[in-house]
Protein backbone atom coordinates (compact mmCIF):
# COMPACT_ATOMS: atom_id res chain seq x y z
CA UNK A 1 0.00 0.00 0.00
CA UNK A 2 2.85 2.39 0.88
CA UNK A 3 4.46 1.69 -2.49
CA UNK A 4 1.31 2.66 -4.40
CA UNK A 5 0.84 5.82 -2.29
CA UNK A 6 4.49 6.80 -2.85
CA UNK A 7 4.16 6.34 -6.61
CA UNK A 8 0.96 8.41 -6.66
CA UNK A 9 2.64 11.23 -4.70
CA UNK A 10 5.69 11.23 -6.97
CA UNK A 11 3.52 11.23 -10.12
CA UNK A 12 1.38 14.06 -8.74
CA UNK A 13 4.47 16.13 -7.88
CA UNK A 14 5.96 15.53 -11.33
CA UNK A 15 2.68 16.35 -13.07
CA UNK A 16 2.29 19.65 -11.20
CA UNK A 17 5.97 20.55 -11.63
CA UNK A 18 5.95 19.95 -15.35
CA UNK A 19 2.95 22.25 -15.87
CA UNK A 20 5.23 25.23 -15.37
CA UNK A 21 7.92 24.39 -17.90
CA UNK A 22 6.82 27.36 -20.01
CA UNK A 23 8.10 30.44 -18.30
CA UNK A 24 10.42 33.42 -18.30
CA UNK A 25 13.51 31.39 -17.26
CA UNK A 26 14.47 34.16 -14.82
CA UNK A 27 17.34 32.30 -13.14
CA UNK A 28 18.86 31.42 -16.52
CA UNK A 29 18.51 35.09 -17.53
CA UNK A 30 20.45 36.13 -14.41
CA UNK A 31 23.29 33.71 -15.22
CA UNK A 32 23.39 34.95 -18.83
CA UNK A 33 23.40 38.58 -17.66
CA UNK A 34 26.28 37.84 -15.28
CA UNK A 35 28.20 36.18 -18.13
CA UNK A 36 27.62 39.11 -20.49
CA UNK A 37 28.48 41.67 -17.79
CA UNK A 38 31.72 39.97 -16.70
CA UNK A 39 33.52 40.15 -20.04
CA UNK A 40 33.11 42.49 -23.02
CA UNK A 41 34.62 40.13 -25.56
CA UNK A 42 32.94 37.37 -27.51
CA UNK A 43 35.77 34.88 -26.93
CA UNK A 44 35.88 35.63 -23.22
CA UNK A 45 32.11 35.24 -23.02
CA UNK A 46 32.28 31.91 -24.84
CA UNK A 47 35.02 30.72 -22.50
CA UNK A 48 33.07 31.87 -19.46
CA UNK A 49 29.99 30.10 -20.85
CA UNK A 50 31.96 26.84 -21.03
CA UNK A 51 33.19 27.29 -17.45
CA UNK A 52 29.68 28.16 -16.27
CA UNK A 53 27.93 25.37 -18.17
CA UNK A 54 27.16 23.45 -14.95
CA UNK A 55 25.69 26.66 -13.48
CA UNK A 56 23.55 27.14 -16.61
CA UNK A 57 22.29 23.56 -16.20
CA UNK A 58 21.40 24.07 -12.55
CA UNK A 59 19.74 27.43 -13.30
CA UNK A 60 17.68 25.93 -16.15
CA UNK A 61 16.63 22.99 -13.97
CA UNK A 62 15.62 25.36 -11.15
CA UNK A 63 13.64 27.44 -13.66
CA UNK A 64 11.89 24.44 -15.19
CA UNK A 65 10.88 22.69 -12.00
CA UNK A 66 10.62 25.45 -9.39
CA UNK A 67 10.39 29.05 -10.60
CA UNK A 68 8.40 28.50 -13.80
CA UNK A 69 5.98 26.31 -11.84
CA UNK A 70 5.51 29.12 -9.32
CA UNK A 71 5.02 31.50 -12.26
CA UNK A 72 2.43 29.16 -13.77
CA UNK A 73 0.39 28.90 -10.57
CA UNK A 74 0.71 32.51 -9.33
CA UNK A 75 0.84 34.36 -12.67
CA UNK A 76 4.09 36.14 -11.73
CA UNK A 77 7.70 35.00 -12.00
CA UNK A 78 9.34 35.17 -8.54
CA UNK A 79 12.80 35.90 -10.01
CA UNK A 80 11.95 38.56 -12.62
CA UNK A 81 8.87 39.89 -10.83
CA UNK A 82 7.17 40.19 -14.22
CA UNK A 83 3.62 39.19 -15.05
CA UNK A 84 1.52 37.91 -16.72
CA UNK A 85 2.93 34.43 -16.82
CA UNK A 86 4.19 33.29 -20.21
CA UNK A 87 1.45 30.65 -20.18
CA UNK A 88 -1.13 33.46 -19.91
CA UNK A 89 0.25 35.53 -22.80
CA UNK A 90 -2.17 35.70 -25.73
CA UNK A 91 -1.27 33.78 -28.87
CA UNK A 92 -1.45 36.96 -30.94
CA UNK A 93 1.83 38.82 -31.09
CA UNK A 94 2.15 42.02 -29.07
CA UNK A 95 2.82 43.90 -32.29
CA UNK A 96 0.58 43.31 -35.28
CA UNK A 97 2.80 43.67 -38.33
CA UNK A 98 1.63 44.65 -41.78
CA UNK A 99 1.98 41.43 -43.80
CA UNK A 100 2.47 43.39 -47.03
CA UNK A 101 5.81 44.81 -45.90
CA UNK A 102 8.96 44.40 -47.92
CA UNK A 103 11.02 41.58 -46.28
CA UNK A 104 13.88 44.02 -45.65
CA UNK A 105 11.62 45.82 -43.16
CA UNK A 106 10.85 42.70 -41.12
CA UNK A 107 14.34 42.33 -39.65
CA UNK A 108 16.28 44.68 -37.43
CA UNK A 109 18.55 46.70 -39.69
CA UNK A 110 21.04 47.48 -36.92
CA UNK A 111 23.01 44.60 -35.44
CA UNK A 112 24.47 47.06 -32.95
CA UNK A 113 24.40 50.81 -32.70
CA UNK A 114 28.20 50.75 -32.28
CA UNK A 115 28.62 48.90 -35.55
CA UNK A 116 25.80 50.64 -37.40
CA UNK A 117 26.11 53.14 -40.17
CA UNK A 118 23.99 55.68 -38.29
CA UNK A 119 25.53 59.11 -38.21
CA UNK A 120 22.85 60.81 -36.09
CA UNK A 121 19.34 60.26 -34.73
CA UNK A 122 16.96 62.78 -33.21
CA UNK A 123 13.41 62.88 -31.90
CA UNK A 124 10.87 65.64 -32.26
CA UNK A 125 7.30 66.02 -31.16
CA UNK A 126 5.27 67.10 -34.18
CA UNK A 127 2.06 67.68 -32.24
CA UNK A 128 0.38 66.26 -29.15
CA UNK A 129 -0.32 62.94 -30.88
CA UNK A 130 2.72 62.53 -33.17
CA UNK A 131 6.38 61.76 -32.45
CA UNK A 132 9.08 61.39 -35.12
CA UNK A 133 12.56 59.89 -35.04
CA UNK A 134 14.82 61.19 -37.80
CA UNK A 135 17.80 58.99 -38.65
CA UNK A 136 20.75 60.12 -40.78
CA UNK A 137 23.08 57.40 -42.06
CA UNK A 138 26.81 57.74 -42.82
CA UNK A 139 25.95 57.61 -46.53
CA UNK A 140 23.78 60.72 -46.16
CA UNK A 141 20.51 58.77 -46.59
CA UNK A 142 17.76 59.65 -44.17
CA UNK A 143 14.75 57.82 -42.72
CA UNK A 144 11.83 58.95 -40.59
CA UNK A 145 10.03 56.67 -38.13
CA UNK A 146 6.76 58.29 -37.05
CA UNK A 147 4.34 57.21 -34.35
CA UNK A 148 0.80 58.63 -34.40
CA UNK A 149 -1.75 58.15 -31.68
CA UNK A 150 -5.09 57.06 -33.15
CA UNK A 151 -7.61 56.56 -30.36
CA UNK A 152 -6.35 53.74 -28.15
CA UNK A 153 -3.65 52.73 -30.68
CA UNK A 154 -0.33 54.05 -31.90
CA UNK A 155 0.28 53.62 -35.63
CA UNK A 156 3.90 53.43 -36.81
CA UNK A 157 5.11 54.58 -40.23
CA UNK A 158 8.58 54.31 -41.79
CA UNK A 159 9.12 56.98 -44.45
CA UNK A 160 5.36 57.36 -44.74
CA UNK A 161 4.64 53.62 -45.18
CA UNK A 162 2.47 51.96 -42.52
CA UNK A 163 4.37 49.35 -40.53
CA UNK A 164 2.22 48.36 -37.57
CA UNK A 165 -0.44 49.46 -35.08
CA UNK A 166 -0.07 48.76 -31.38
CA UNK A 167 -2.56 49.44 -28.61
CA UNK A 168 -1.46 51.77 -25.84
CA UNK A 169 -2.27 49.00 -23.36
CA UNK A 170 0.09 46.64 -25.23
CA UNK A 171 2.83 49.29 -25.25
CA UNK A 172 2.37 49.84 -21.51
CA UNK A 173 2.51 46.10 -20.87
CA UNK A 174 5.63 45.80 -23.04
CA UNK A 175 7.28 48.71 -21.22
CA UNK A 176 6.50 47.23 -17.79
CA UNK A 177 7.91 43.86 -18.90
CA UNK A 178 11.14 45.57 -19.99
CA UNK A 179 11.57 47.46 -16.70
C-alpha atoms as a PDB file:
ATOM      1  CA  UNK A   1       0.000   0.000   0.000  1.00  0.00           C
ATOM      2  CA  UNK A   2       2.853   2.388   0.883  1.00  0.00           C
ATOM      3  CA  UNK A   3       4.465   1.693  -2.485  1.00  0.00           C
ATOM      4  CA  UNK A   4       1.314   2.664  -4.398  1.00  0.00           C
ATOM      5  CA  UNK A   5       0.843   5.822  -2.293  1.00  0.00           C
ATOM      6  CA  UNK A   6       4.493   6.796  -2.845  1.00  0.00           C
ATOM      7  CA  UNK A   7       4.157   6.339  -6.610  1.00  0.00           C
ATOM      8  CA  UNK A   8       0.960   8.411  -6.655  1.00  0.00           C
ATOM      9  CA  UNK A   9       2.637  11.225  -4.698  1.00  0.00           C
ATOM     10  CA  UNK A  10       5.693  11.225  -6.970  1.00  0.00           C
ATOM     11  CA  UNK A  11       3.516  11.229 -10.124  1.00  0.00           C
ATOM     12  CA  UNK A  12       1.383  14.065  -8.740  1.00  0.00           C
ATOM     13  CA  UNK A  13       4.472  16.135  -7.881  1.00  0.00           C
ATOM     14  CA  UNK A  14       5.958  15.526 -11.332  1.00  0.00           C
ATOM     15  CA  UNK A  15       2.682  16.351 -13.066  1.00  0.00           C
ATOM     16  CA  UNK A  16       2.292  19.652 -11.200  1.00  0.00           C
ATOM     17  CA  UNK A  17       5.968  20.549 -11.629  1.00  0.00           C
ATOM     18  CA  UNK A  18       5.954  19.955 -15.353  1.00  0.00           C
ATOM     19  CA  UNK A  19       2.952  22.255 -15.867  1.00  0.00           C
ATOM     20  CA  UNK A  20       5.230  25.228 -15.367  1.00  0.00           C
ATOM     21  CA  UNK A  21       7.918  24.388 -17.899  1.00  0.00           C
ATOM     22  CA  UNK A  22       6.816  27.359 -20.013  1.00  0.00           C
ATOM     23  CA  UNK A  23       8.104  30.441 -18.302  1.00  0.00           C
ATOM     24  CA  UNK A  24      10.425  33.415 -18.297  1.00  0.00           C
ATOM     25  CA  UNK A  25      13.505  31.386 -17.258  1.00  0.00           C
ATOM     26  CA  UNK A  26      14.470  34.158 -14.819  1.00  0.00           C
ATOM     27  CA  UNK A  27      17.342  32.304 -13.138  1.00  0.00           C
ATOM     28  CA  UNK A  28      18.858  31.425 -16.516  1.00  0.00           C
ATOM     29  CA  UNK A  29      18.514  35.086 -17.532  1.00  0.00           C
ATOM     30  CA  UNK A  30      20.451  36.126 -14.410  1.00  0.00           C
ATOM     31  CA  UNK A  31      23.291  33.712 -15.221  1.00  0.00           C
ATOM     32  CA  UNK A  32      23.394  34.949 -18.831  1.00  0.00           C
ATOM     33  CA  UNK A  33      23.399  38.580 -17.660  1.00  0.00           C
ATOM     34  CA  UNK A  34      26.280  37.838 -15.275  1.00  0.00           C
ATOM     35  CA  UNK A  35      28.197  36.178 -18.130  1.00  0.00           C
ATOM     36  CA  UNK A  36      27.615  39.108 -20.487  1.00  0.00           C
ATOM     37  CA  UNK A  37      28.482  41.666 -17.790  1.00  0.00           C
ATOM     38  CA  UNK A  38      31.716  39.971 -16.702  1.00  0.00           C
ATOM     39  CA  UNK A  39      33.519  40.154 -20.039  1.00  0.00           C
ATOM     40  CA  UNK A  40      33.106  42.487 -23.016  1.00  0.00           C
ATOM     41  CA  UNK A  41      34.624  40.127 -25.561  1.00  0.00           C
ATOM     42  CA  UNK A  42      32.937  37.365 -27.513  1.00  0.00           C
ATOM     43  CA  UNK A  43      35.771  34.876 -26.927  1.00  0.00           C
ATOM     44  CA  UNK A  44      35.885  35.634 -23.220  1.00  0.00           C
ATOM     45  CA  UNK A  45      32.110  35.244 -23.025  1.00  0.00           C
ATOM     46  CA  UNK A  46      32.278  31.914 -24.839  1.00  0.00           C
ATOM     47  CA  UNK A  47      35.019  30.716 -22.496  1.00  0.00           C
ATOM     48  CA  UNK A  48      33.070  31.867 -19.465  1.00  0.00           C
ATOM     49  CA  UNK A  49      29.988  30.101 -20.848  1.00  0.00           C
ATOM     50  CA  UNK A  50      31.962  26.844 -21.029  1.00  0.00           C
ATOM     51  CA  UNK A  51      33.190  27.289 -17.455  1.00  0.00           C
ATOM     52  CA  UNK A  52      29.683  28.158 -16.270  1.00  0.00           C
ATOM     53  CA  UNK A  53      27.927  25.370 -18.165  1.00  0.00           C
ATOM     54  CA  UNK A  54      27.157  23.451 -14.952  1.00  0.00           C
ATOM     55  CA  UNK A  55      25.686  26.657 -13.481  1.00  0.00           C
ATOM     56  CA  UNK A  56      23.549  27.135 -16.609  1.00  0.00           C
ATOM     57  CA  UNK A  57      22.287  23.556 -16.202  1.00  0.00           C
ATOM     58  CA  UNK A  58      21.404  24.069 -12.548  1.00  0.00           C
ATOM     59  CA  UNK A  59      19.741  27.427 -13.302  1.00  0.00           C
ATOM     60  CA  UNK A  60      17.678  25.934 -16.146  1.00  0.00           C
ATOM     61  CA  UNK A  61      16.629  22.991 -13.974  1.00  0.00           C
ATOM     62  CA  UNK A  62      15.622  25.363 -11.153  1.00  0.00           C
ATOM     63  CA  UNK A  63      13.644  27.437 -13.656  1.00  0.00           C
ATOM     64  CA  UNK A  64      11.889  24.440 -15.191  1.00  0.00           C
ATOM     65  CA  UNK A  65      10.884  22.692 -12.001  1.00  0.00           C
ATOM     66  CA  UNK A  66      10.617  25.448  -9.394  1.00  0.00           C
ATOM     67  CA  UNK A  67      10.387  29.051 -10.599  1.00  0.00           C
ATOM     68  CA  UNK A  68       8.402  28.500 -13.798  1.00  0.00           C
ATOM     69  CA  UNK A  69       5.981  26.307 -11.837  1.00  0.00           C
ATOM     70  CA  UNK A  70       5.512  29.122  -9.323  1.00  0.00           C
ATOM     71  CA  UNK A  71       5.023  31.503 -12.264  1.00  0.00           C
ATOM     72  CA  UNK A  72       2.426  29.156 -13.768  1.00  0.00           C
ATOM     73  CA  UNK A  73       0.392  28.902 -10.572  1.00  0.00           C
ATOM     74  CA  UNK A  74       0.710  32.512  -9.330  1.00  0.00           C
ATOM     75  CA  UNK A  75       0.838  34.359 -12.667  1.00  0.00           C
ATOM     76  CA  UNK A  76       4.088  36.139 -11.727  1.00  0.00           C
ATOM     77  CA  UNK A  77       7.696  34.995 -11.997  1.00  0.00           C
ATOM     78  CA  UNK A  78       9.343  35.174  -8.544  1.00  0.00           C
ATOM     79  CA  UNK A  79      12.796  35.900 -10.012  1.00  0.00           C
ATOM     80  CA  UNK A  80      11.955  38.558 -12.619  1.00  0.00           C
ATOM     81  CA  UNK A  81       8.873  39.891 -10.830  1.00  0.00           C
ATOM     82  CA  UNK A  82       7.170  40.189 -14.216  1.00  0.00           C
ATOM     83  CA  UNK A  83       3.624  39.191 -15.053  1.00  0.00           C
ATOM     84  CA  UNK A  84       1.524  37.915 -16.722  1.00  0.00           C
ATOM     85  CA  UNK A  85       2.931  34.434 -16.815  1.00  0.00           C
ATOM     86  CA  UNK A  86       4.186  33.290 -20.210  1.00  0.00           C
ATOM     87  CA  UNK A  87       1.446  30.646 -20.180  1.00  0.00           C
ATOM     88  CA  UNK A  88      -1.134  33.459 -19.911  1.00  0.00           C
ATOM     89  CA  UNK A  89       0.253  35.527 -22.797  1.00  0.00           C
ATOM     90  CA  UNK A  90      -2.173  35.698 -25.734  1.00  0.00           C
ATOM     91  CA  UNK A  91      -1.267  33.782 -28.867  1.00  0.00           C
ATOM     92  CA  UNK A  92      -1.454  36.961 -30.938  1.00  0.00           C
ATOM     93  CA  UNK A  93       1.832  38.819 -31.088  1.00  0.00           C
ATOM     94  CA  UNK A  94       2.150  42.016 -29.071  1.00  0.00           C
ATOM     95  CA  UNK A  95       2.824  43.904 -32.286  1.00  0.00           C
ATOM     96  CA  UNK A  96       0.585  43.310 -35.277  1.00  0.00           C
ATOM     97  CA  UNK A  97       2.799  43.671 -38.331  1.00  0.00           C
ATOM     98  CA  UNK A  98       1.627  44.649 -41.778  1.00  0.00           C
ATOM     99  CA  UNK A  99       1.975  41.429 -43.802  1.00  0.00           C
ATOM    100  CA  UNK A 100       2.469  43.392 -47.034  1.00  0.00           C
ATOM    101  CA  UNK A 101       5.812  44.815 -45.898  1.00  0.00           C
ATOM    102  CA  UNK A 102       8.963  44.399 -47.919  1.00  0.00           C
ATOM    103  CA  UNK A 103      11.019  41.584 -46.281  1.00  0.00           C
ATOM    104  CA  UNK A 104      13.879  44.024 -45.652  1.00  0.00           C
ATOM    105  CA  UNK A 105      11.617  45.822 -43.164  1.00  0.00           C
ATOM    106  CA  UNK A 106      10.854  42.703 -41.116  1.00  0.00           C
ATOM    107  CA  UNK A 107      14.340  42.329 -39.648  1.00  0.00           C
ATOM    108  CA  UNK A 108      16.276  44.679 -37.427  1.00  0.00           C
ATOM    109  CA  UNK A 109      18.549  46.698 -39.694  1.00  0.00           C
ATOM    110  CA  UNK A 110      21.037  47.478 -36.923  1.00  0.00           C
ATOM    111  CA  UNK A 111      23.012  44.603 -35.435  1.00  0.00           C
ATOM    112  CA  UNK A 112      24.469  47.059 -32.955  1.00  0.00           C
ATOM    113  CA  UNK A 113      24.404  50.815 -32.703  1.00  0.00           C
ATOM    114  CA  UNK A 114      28.197  50.755 -32.277  1.00  0.00           C
ATOM    115  CA  UNK A 115      28.619  48.895 -35.555  1.00  0.00           C
ATOM    116  CA  UNK A 116      25.804  50.641 -37.396  1.00  0.00           C
ATOM    117  CA  UNK A 117      26.111  53.135 -40.166  1.00  0.00           C
ATOM    118  CA  UNK A 118      23.987  55.681 -38.289  1.00  0.00           C
ATOM    119  CA  UNK A 119      25.530  59.112 -38.206  1.00  0.00           C
ATOM    120  CA  UNK A 120      22.852  60.811 -36.090  1.00  0.00           C
ATOM    121  CA  UNK A 121      19.342  60.262 -34.734  1.00  0.00           C
ATOM    122  CA  UNK A 122      16.958  62.777 -33.207  1.00  0.00           C
ATOM    123  CA  UNK A 123      13.411  62.882 -31.899  1.00  0.00           C
ATOM    124  CA  UNK A 124      10.873  65.644 -32.256  1.00  0.00           C
ATOM    125  CA  UNK A 125       7.295  66.015 -31.163  1.00  0.00           C
ATOM    126  CA  UNK A 126       5.269  67.099 -34.184  1.00  0.00           C
ATOM    127  CA  UNK A 127       2.064  67.677 -32.236  1.00  0.00           C
ATOM    128  CA  UNK A 128       0.375  66.265 -29.148  1.00  0.00           C
ATOM    129  CA  UNK A 129      -0.320  62.937 -30.876  1.00  0.00           C
ATOM    130  CA  UNK A 130       2.721  62.526 -33.173  1.00  0.00           C
ATOM    131  CA  UNK A 131       6.378  61.762 -32.447  1.00  0.00           C
ATOM    132  CA  UNK A 132       9.081  61.386 -35.123  1.00  0.00           C
ATOM    133  CA  UNK A 133      12.557  59.892 -35.044  1.00  0.00           C
ATOM    134  CA  UNK A 134      14.824  61.194 -37.795  1.00  0.00           C
ATOM    135  CA  UNK A 135      17.804  58.989 -38.654  1.00  0.00           C
ATOM    136  CA  UNK A 136      20.748  60.125 -40.775  1.00  0.00           C
ATOM    137  CA  UNK A 137      23.080  57.400 -42.065  1.00  0.00           C
ATOM    138  CA  UNK A 138      26.806  57.743 -42.816  1.00  0.00           C
ATOM    139  CA  UNK A 139      25.949  57.608 -46.526  1.00  0.00           C
ATOM    140  CA  UNK A 140      23.776  60.716 -46.164  1.00  0.00           C
ATOM    141  CA  UNK A 141      20.513  58.773 -46.590  1.00  0.00           C
ATOM    142  CA  UNK A 142      17.756  59.645 -44.168  1.00  0.00           C
ATOM    143  CA  UNK A 143      14.755  57.823 -42.724  1.00  0.00           C
ATOM    144  CA  UNK A 144      11.831  58.954 -40.595  1.00  0.00           C
ATOM    145  CA  UNK A 145      10.027  56.672 -38.134  1.00  0.00           C
ATOM    146  CA  UNK A 146       6.759  58.290 -37.055  1.00  0.00           C
ATOM    147  CA  UNK A 147       4.340  57.212 -34.349  1.00  0.00           C
ATOM    148  CA  UNK A 148       0.800  58.634 -34.404  1.00  0.00           C
ATOM    149  CA  UNK A 149      -1.746  58.148 -31.683  1.00  0.00           C
ATOM    150  CA  UNK A 150      -5.091  57.057 -33.149  1.00  0.00           C
ATOM    151  CA  UNK A 151      -7.615  56.562 -30.360  1.00  0.00           C
ATOM    152  CA  UNK A 152      -6.354  53.738 -28.149  1.00  0.00           C
ATOM    153  CA  UNK A 153      -3.654  52.731 -30.675  1.00  0.00           C
ATOM    154  CA  UNK A 154      -0.327  54.045 -31.901  1.00  0.00           C
ATOM    155  CA  UNK A 155       0.280  53.619 -35.633  1.00  0.00           C
ATOM    156  CA  UNK A 156       3.898  53.425 -36.806  1.00  0.00           C
ATOM    157  CA  UNK A 157       5.110  54.578 -40.231  1.00  0.00           C
ATOM    158  CA  UNK A 158       8.575  54.312 -41.794  1.00  0.00           C
ATOM    159  CA  UNK A 159       9.124  56.976 -44.445  1.00  0.00           C
ATOM    160  CA  UNK A 160       5.363  57.358 -44.738  1.00  0.00           C
ATOM    161  CA  UNK A 161       4.643  53.623 -45.178  1.00  0.00           C
ATOM    162  CA  UNK A 162       2.471  51.964 -42.523  1.00  0.00           C
ATOM    163  CA  UNK A 163       4.374  49.347 -40.531  1.00  0.00           C
ATOM    164  CA  UNK A 164       2.218  48.363 -37.575  1.00  0.00           C
ATOM    165  CA  UNK A 165      -0.438  49.462 -35.082  1.00  0.00           C
ATOM    166  CA  UNK A 166      -0.069  48.756 -31.381  1.00  0.00           C
ATOM    167  CA  UNK A 167      -2.556  49.445 -28.610  1.00  0.00           C
ATOM    168  CA  UNK A 168      -1.457  51.771 -25.837  1.00  0.00           C
ATOM    169  CA  UNK A 169      -2.270  48.998 -23.356  1.00  0.00           C
ATOM    170  CA  UNK A 170       0.088  46.640 -25.229  1.00  0.00           C
ATOM    171  CA  UNK A 171       2.832  49.289 -25.250  1.00  0.00           C
ATOM    172  CA  UNK A 172       2.372  49.844 -21.510  1.00  0.00           C
ATOM    173  CA  UNK A 173       2.512  46.098 -20.868  1.00  0.00           C
ATOM    174  CA  UNK A 174       5.632  45.801 -23.040  1.00  0.00           C
ATOM    175  CA  UNK A 175       7.279  48.710 -21.217  1.00  0.00           C
ATOM    176  CA  UNK A 176       6.500  47.231 -17.791  1.00  0.00           C
ATOM    177  CA  UNK A 177       7.910  43.860 -18.898  1.00  0.00           C
ATOM    178  CA  UNK A 178      11.144  45.574 -19.989  1.00  0.00           C
ATOM    179  CA  UNK A 179      11.571  47.461 -16.704  1.00  0.00           C
END
